[in-house]
Amino acid sequence: MHFEGIYTPVITPFNQDYSIDYDAYSTHVQYLLESGVHGLMIGGTTGEYYVESHEERVELLKIAREICGDRLQIIFGTGSINPDASLKLAEDAAKFGADVLLVATPPYSLPTQNELAQHALAVDRVADMPIMLYNYPDRMGVNMEAEFFEKISQSSNFCGIKESSGDINRLHMLACDYPHIQVACGMDDQALEFFAWGAKSWVCAGSNFLPAEHLALYNACVVEKDFIKGRRIMSAMMPLMRVLEQGGKFIQSVKYGVTLDGRVSGEVRKPLLGLGEDEKLAMHGVVQTLKENIAKIEKGE
């Protein structure tokens, strides 16, 4: 399995009563399909998987597969605090058309590297399909370290990793010591650095509402190999990256970005709460300025 391009971790629109608005979700998936992104991640952090039932998560996969057909790669998240739930999600991922599994650390339990490896290998045995690992210690509590990578090396299905630690030394380690595992940027404000170190894919929540602008950075760095242009685009994106990665309301900001772009993003499920009016106003200004500045760069100005 080859990972290259912009992968959108798709939001889940919720109604006022917190049920899933499947019509709004379908409209959003259709928009992403037509926007030029290269793949979708269903059931990632941005999709609020942790407050969704098994049935809801699988239904979101089914809808995305039906809309996209074979035109986009679909990565399906298996993350759960309960490892047995991850196994059931993996089984249904294989059954309902996912191309790749996303395998994360079970949160809260703080497994050892061996315990984490045994969990990942158990998911692999259930589905026997390509796997993108998900390293996000701020949410999961544990990094994937050398012992883990050694133990999972028995399976060739582990072919990618979404690196979301924010530790640039992790990127160096992965690029130098594990070149057979494709690294995807999972920390939006480090996308330029990931591309400079050879990463070819970016799982970026902002592509839910700014796909063209995220594609512009990918095209500059990976396709055109023009890092001077890439730095200009990344500089234009940094105010948004600060809001998303450092603002404390990541999912809420992404969903409001979708609203600004004219689609229904719906509510967030508890314990999260939506943005306040001042936060919405600030987000609107950041997005508008970003779009204007990247449009100028793309025109050669």
Protein backbone atom coordinates (compact mmCIF):
# COMPACT_ATOMS: atom_id res chain seq x y z
CA MET A 1 0.00 0.00 0.00
CA HIS A 2 1.36 3.40 -1.01
CA PHE A 3 0.44 6.57 0.87
CA GLU A 4 0.82 9.80 -1.04
CA GLY A 5 -1.12 13.04 -0.93
CA ILE A 6 -3.65 14.76 1.27
CA TYR A 7 -5.77 12.55 3.54
CA THR A 8 -8.77 14.13 5.26
CA PRO A 9 -9.78 12.86 8.71
CA VAL A 10 -13.48 13.36 8.15
CA ILE A 11 -15.65 15.18 10.69
CA THR A 12 -18.91 13.67 11.93
CA PRO A 13 -21.83 16.15 11.83
CA PHE A 14 -24.18 15.77 14.79
CA ASN A 15 -27.74 17.06 15.06
CA GLN A 16 -28.97 19.19 17.96
CA ASP A 17 -29.96 15.98 19.76
CA TYR A 18 -26.43 14.60 19.13
CA SER A 19 -27.56 11.93 16.69
CA ILE A 20 -25.50 11.69 13.51
CA ASP A 21 -26.67 13.80 10.60
CA TYR A 22 -25.96 11.23 7.91
CA ASP A 23 -27.25 13.49 5.12
CA ALA A 24 -24.80 16.24 6.07
CA TYR A 25 -22.04 13.65 6.37
CA SER A 26 -22.80 12.30 2.89
CA THR A 27 -22.76 15.80 1.42
CA HIS A 28 -19.41 16.48 3.06
CA VAL A 29 -17.87 13.23 1.82
CA GLN A 30 -19.07 14.03 -1.71
CA TYR A 31 -17.46 17.46 -1.41
CA LEU A 32 -14.14 15.94 -0.32
CA LEU A 33 -14.27 13.43 -3.17
CA GLU A 34 -14.66 16.28 -5.66
CA SER A 35 -12.06 18.51 -3.96
CA GLY A 36 -9.04 16.53 -5.11
CA VAL A 37 -7.88 15.04 -1.82
CA HIS A 38 -6.24 11.64 -2.13
CA GLY A 39 -7.86 9.74 0.70
CA LEU A 40 -10.23 9.83 3.66
CA MET A 41 -9.73 8.75 7.24
CA ILE A 42 -12.99 7.59 8.79
CA GLY A 43 -13.10 7.21 12.54
CA GLY A 44 -10.07 9.31 13.43
CA THR A 45 -9.74 11.78 16.28
CA THR A 46 -11.27 14.57 14.20
CA GLY A 47 -14.32 12.37 13.61
CA GLU A 48 -14.94 12.07 17.39
CA TYR A 49 -14.80 8.28 17.20
CA TYR A 50 -14.41 7.98 20.97
CA VAL A 51 -18.02 9.04 21.57
CA GLU A 52 -19.52 6.93 18.78
CA SER A 53 -20.93 3.41 18.94
CA HIS A 54 -19.54 0.54 16.91
CA GLU A 55 -22.60 0.63 14.67
CA GLU A 56 -22.26 4.35 14.03
CA ARG A 57 -18.60 4.03 13.12
CA VAL A 58 -19.24 1.21 10.69
CA GLU A 59 -22.17 3.04 9.10
CA LEU A 60 -19.92 6.04 8.44
CA LEU A 61 -17.49 3.71 6.68
CA LYS A 62 -20.25 2.16 4.58
CA ILE A 63 -21.54 5.55 3.45
CA ALA A 64 -18.07 6.81 2.54
CA ARG A 65 -17.30 3.67 0.55
CA GLU A 66 -20.59 3.85 -1.30
CA ILE A 67 -20.01 7.50 -2.26
CA CYS A 68 -16.34 7.19 -3.16
CA GLY A 69 -16.34 3.80 -4.84
CA ASP A 70 -12.74 3.00 -5.68
CA ARG A 71 -11.77 6.62 -6.37
CA LEU A 72 -10.24 7.36 -2.96
CA GLN A 73 -8.28 5.37 -0.41
CA ILE A 74 -10.24 4.95 2.80
CA ILE A 75 -8.42 4.47 6.09
CA PHE A 76 -10.65 3.23 8.90
CA GLY A 77 -9.89 3.90 12.54
CA THR A 78 -9.96 1.00 14.99
CA GLY A 79 -9.04 2.99 18.08
CA SER A 80 -10.78 2.08 21.31
CA ILE A 81 -10.07 1.97 25.02
CA ASN A 82 -11.15 -1.70 24.80
CA PRO A 83 -8.83 -3.79 22.59
CA ASP A 84 -11.61 -6.30 21.89
CA ALA A 85 -13.67 -3.49 20.39
CA SER A 86 -10.74 -2.69 18.09
CA LEU A 87 -10.74 -6.28 16.85
CA LYS A 88 -14.44 -6.09 15.99
CA LEU A 89 -13.91 -2.79 14.18
CA ALA A 90 -11.06 -4.36 12.19
CA GLU A 91 -13.27 -7.27 11.19
CA ASP A 92 -15.95 -4.93 9.90
CA ALA A 93 -13.38 -2.73 8.18
CA ALA A 94 -12.35 -5.70 6.09
CA LYS A 95 -15.97 -6.65 5.49
CA PHE A 96 -17.21 -3.23 4.40
CA GLY A 97 -14.51 -2.01 2.09
CA ALA A 98 -11.82 -0.13 4.00
CA ASP A 99 -8.47 -0.09 2.25
CA VAL A 100 -6.33 0.46 5.33
CA LEU A 101 -6.70 0.11 9.09
CA LEU A 102 -5.60 2.83 11.48
CA VAL A 103 -4.19 1.19 14.62
CA ALA A 104 -3.55 3.31 17.69
CA THR A 105 -2.50 2.70 21.27
CA PRO A 106 -5.46 1.81 23.51
CA PRO A 107 -5.75 4.94 25.65
CA TYR A 108 -5.58 5.14 29.44
CA SER A 109 -4.18 1.64 30.07
CA LEU A 110 -0.57 2.71 29.34
CA PRO A 111 0.58 -0.60 27.82
CA THR A 112 4.23 -1.61 27.69
CA GLN A 113 5.88 -1.77 24.27
CA ASN A 114 5.40 -5.55 24.20
CA GLU A 115 1.74 -5.26 25.22
CA LEU A 116 1.17 -2.61 22.57
CA ALA A 117 2.84 -4.79 19.95
CA GLN A 118 0.70 -7.79 20.88
CA HIS A 119 -2.41 -5.62 20.50
CA ALA A 120 -1.34 -4.37 17.07
CA LEU A 121 -0.50 -7.91 15.93
CA ALA A 122 -3.90 -9.14 17.16
CA VAL A 123 -5.65 -6.50 15.05
CA ASP A 124 -3.46 -7.50 12.12
CA ARG A 125 -4.39 -11.17 12.44
CA VAL A 126 -8.10 -10.40 12.48
CA ALA A 127 -8.16 -8.37 9.26
CA ASP A 128 -4.90 -9.17 7.39
CA MET A 129 -4.87 -5.88 5.50
CA PRO A 130 -2.59 -2.83 5.24
CA ILE A 131 -2.15 -0.90 8.49
CA MET A 132 -1.23 2.68 9.25
CA LEU A 133 -0.09 3.05 12.84
CA TYR A 134 -1.18 6.09 14.84
CA ASN A 135 1.31 7.53 17.33
CA TYR A 136 -0.34 10.22 19.44
CA PRO A 137 1.07 10.09 22.98
CA ASP A 138 -0.66 13.27 24.15
CA ARG A 139 -3.99 11.47 23.80
CA MET A 140 -2.92 7.85 24.30
CA GLY A 141 -0.20 8.23 26.93
CA VAL A 142 2.41 6.00 25.24
CA ASN A 143 4.86 6.41 22.36
CA MET A 144 5.56 3.65 19.87
CA GLU A 145 9.25 2.89 20.48
CA ALA A 146 12.01 0.67 19.06
CA GLU A 147 10.87 -2.49 20.91
CA PHE A 148 7.40 -2.06 19.45
CA PHE A 149 8.67 -1.66 15.89
CA GLU A 150 10.93 -4.70 16.28
CA LYS A 151 8.09 -6.92 17.47
CA ILE A 152 5.63 -5.93 14.74
CA SER A 153 8.26 -6.36 12.00
CA GLN A 154 7.09 -9.96 11.57
CA SER A 155 4.13 -8.62 9.56
CA SER A 156 4.51 -6.64 6.34
CA ASN A 157 1.02 -5.19 6.79
CA PHE A 158 2.44 -2.44 8.99
CA CYS A 159 3.35 -0.11 6.17
CA GLY A 160 2.68 3.41 7.44
CA ILE A 161 2.52 5.57 10.55
CA LYS A 162 0.65 8.77 11.27
CA GLU A 163 3.10 10.55 13.54
CA SER A 164 1.30 13.02 15.80
CA SER A 165 3.67 13.32 18.74
CA GLY A 166 4.87 16.81 17.86
CA ASP A 167 8.43 15.67 18.66
CA ILE A 168 10.57 16.42 15.63
CA ASN A 169 13.15 13.90 16.86
CA ARG A 170 10.54 11.18 16.28
CA LEU A 171 10.40 12.19 12.63
CA HIS A 172 14.18 11.94 12.36
CA MET A 173 14.15 8.52 14.04
CA LEU A 174 11.40 7.14 11.81
CA ALA A 175 12.96 8.46 8.60
CA CYS A 176 16.43 7.16 9.43
CA ASP A 177 15.78 3.92 11.32
CA TYR A 178 12.51 2.67 9.77
CA PRO A 179 12.53 3.74 6.11
CA HIS A 180 10.26 0.79 5.21
CA ILE A 181 7.43 2.41 7.20
CA GLN A 182 5.92 5.32 5.29
CA VAL A 183 5.61 8.38 7.52
CA ALA A 184 2.49 10.52 7.27
CA CYS A 185 2.44 13.94 8.89
CA GLY A 186 -0.06 13.96 11.73
CA MET A 187 0.98 17.24 13.34
CA ASP A 188 -0.27 20.00 11.09
CA ASP A 189 2.18 22.71 12.11
CA GLN A 190 5.11 20.43 11.15
CA ALA A 191 3.96 19.54 7.63
CA LEU A 192 6.83 21.38 5.93
CA GLU A 193 9.39 19.52 8.05
CA PHE A 194 7.77 16.17 7.30
CA PHE A 195 7.85 16.83 3.57
CA ALA A 196 11.49 17.95 3.79
CA TRP A 197 12.34 14.60 5.40
CA GLY A 198 10.67 12.66 2.61
CA ALA A 199 7.13 12.14 3.85
CA LYS A 200 4.68 12.10 0.97
CA SER A 201 1.38 12.11 2.85
CA TRP A 202 -0.33 14.47 5.26
CA VAL A 203 -3.37 13.59 7.36
CA CYS A 204 -4.66 17.11 7.88
CA ALA A 205 -7.91 18.05 9.58
CA GLY A 206 -7.90 21.48 7.96
CA SER A 207 -8.49 19.84 4.58
CA ASN A 208 -12.09 19.36 5.73
CA PHE A 209 -12.61 23.01 4.78
CA LEU A 210 -9.44 24.15 3.00
CA PRO A 211 -8.54 21.24 0.73
CA ALA A 212 -7.14 23.40 -2.09
CA GLU A 213 -4.78 25.21 0.26
CA HIS A 214 -3.51 21.98 1.83
CA LEU A 215 -3.08 20.49 -1.63
CA ALA A 216 -1.06 23.58 -2.57
CA LEU A 217 1.53 22.81 0.11
CA TYR A 218 1.67 19.14 -0.86
CA ASN A 219 2.07 20.00 -4.54
CA ALA A 220 4.80 22.56 -3.87
CA CYS A 221 6.86 20.27 -1.64
CA VAL A 222 6.23 16.75 -2.98
CA VAL A 223 5.26 17.21 -6.63
CA GLU A 224 7.19 20.35 -7.61
CA LYS A 225 9.92 19.94 -4.96
CA ASP A 226 9.88 23.71 -4.57
CA PHE A 227 10.55 24.27 -0.89
CA ILE A 228 10.92 28.02 -1.32
CA LYS A 229 7.30 28.12 -2.45
CA GLY A 230 6.46 25.57 0.20
CA ARG A 231 7.85 27.80 2.95
CA ARG A 232 5.76 30.71 1.68
CA ILE A 233 2.60 28.59 1.73
CA MET A 234 3.40 27.16 5.15
CA SER A 235 4.03 30.65 6.50
CA ALA A 236 0.60 31.67 5.25
CA MET A 237 -0.92 28.63 6.96
CA MET A 238 0.78 29.07 10.33
CA PRO A 239 -1.90 31.29 11.92
CA LEU A 240 -4.42 28.51 11.27
CA MET A 241 -1.99 25.89 12.58
CA ARG A 242 -1.66 27.84 15.81
CA VAL A 243 -5.44 27.89 16.20
CA LEU A 244 -5.78 24.16 15.50
CA GLU A 245 -2.74 22.73 17.26
CA GLN A 246 -2.30 25.24 20.07
CA GLY A 247 -5.73 26.75 20.57
CA GLY A 248 -7.19 23.99 22.74
CA LYS A 249 -10.32 23.52 20.62
CA PHE A 250 -9.08 21.49 17.68
CA ILE A 251 -12.23 19.63 16.64
CA GLN A 252 -14.52 22.57 17.35
CA SER A 253 -12.36 24.82 15.15
CA VAL A 254 -12.30 22.30 12.31
CA LYS A 255 -16.06 21.94 12.42
CA TYR A 256 -16.55 25.69 12.40
CA GLY A 257 -14.25 25.87 9.40
CA VAL A 258 -16.61 23.52 7.57
CA THR A 259 -19.52 25.77 8.55
CA LEU A 260 -17.67 28.80 7.19
CA ASP A 261 -17.17 26.87 3.94
CA GLY A 262 -20.93 26.48 3.56
CA ARG A 263 -21.64 22.93 4.70
CA VAL A 264 -23.37 21.59 7.80
CA SER A 265 -20.83 20.50 10.39
CA GLY A 266 -23.26 20.14 13.26
CA GLU A 267 -22.59 19.96 16.97
CA VAL A 268 -19.73 18.35 18.85
CA ARG A 269 -20.58 15.58 21.26
CA LYS A 270 -19.90 16.00 24.96
CA PRO A 271 -17.66 16.59 26.77
CA LEU A 272 -16.71 19.09 24.03
CA LEU A 273 -18.57 22.36 23.60
CA GLY A 274 -18.70 24.60 20.54
CA LEU A 275 -16.76 27.79 19.94
CA GLY A 276 -17.78 31.08 21.51
CA GLU A 277 -18.64 34.08 19.35
CA ASP A 278 -15.22 35.70 19.81
CA GLU A 279 -13.52 32.44 18.83
CA LYS A 280 -15.71 32.15 15.75
CA LEU A 281 -14.88 35.70 14.70
CA ALA A 282 -11.15 35.06 15.13
CA MET A 283 -11.39 31.80 13.17
CA HIS A 284 -13.21 33.58 10.34
CA GLY A 285 -10.46 36.17 10.07
CA VAL A 286 -7.68 33.57 10.08
CA VAL A 287 -9.33 31.49 7.35
CA GLN A 288 -10.10 34.47 5.12
CA THR A 289 -6.56 35.84 5.34
CA LEU A 290 -5.05 32.40 4.70
CA LYS A 291 -7.12 31.90 1.55
CA GLU A 292 -6.21 35.32 0.20
CA ASN A 293 -2.49 34.90 0.86
CA ILE A 294 -2.22 31.40 -0.65
CA ALA A 295 -4.21 32.49 -3.70
CA LYS A 296 -1.58 35.20 -4.28
CA ILE A 297 1.26 32.69 -3.94
CA GLU A 298 -0.41 30.31 -6.38
CA LYS A 299 -0.70 33.20 -8.88
CA GLY A 300 3.02 33.83 -8.55
CA GLU A 301 2.67 37.11 -6.72
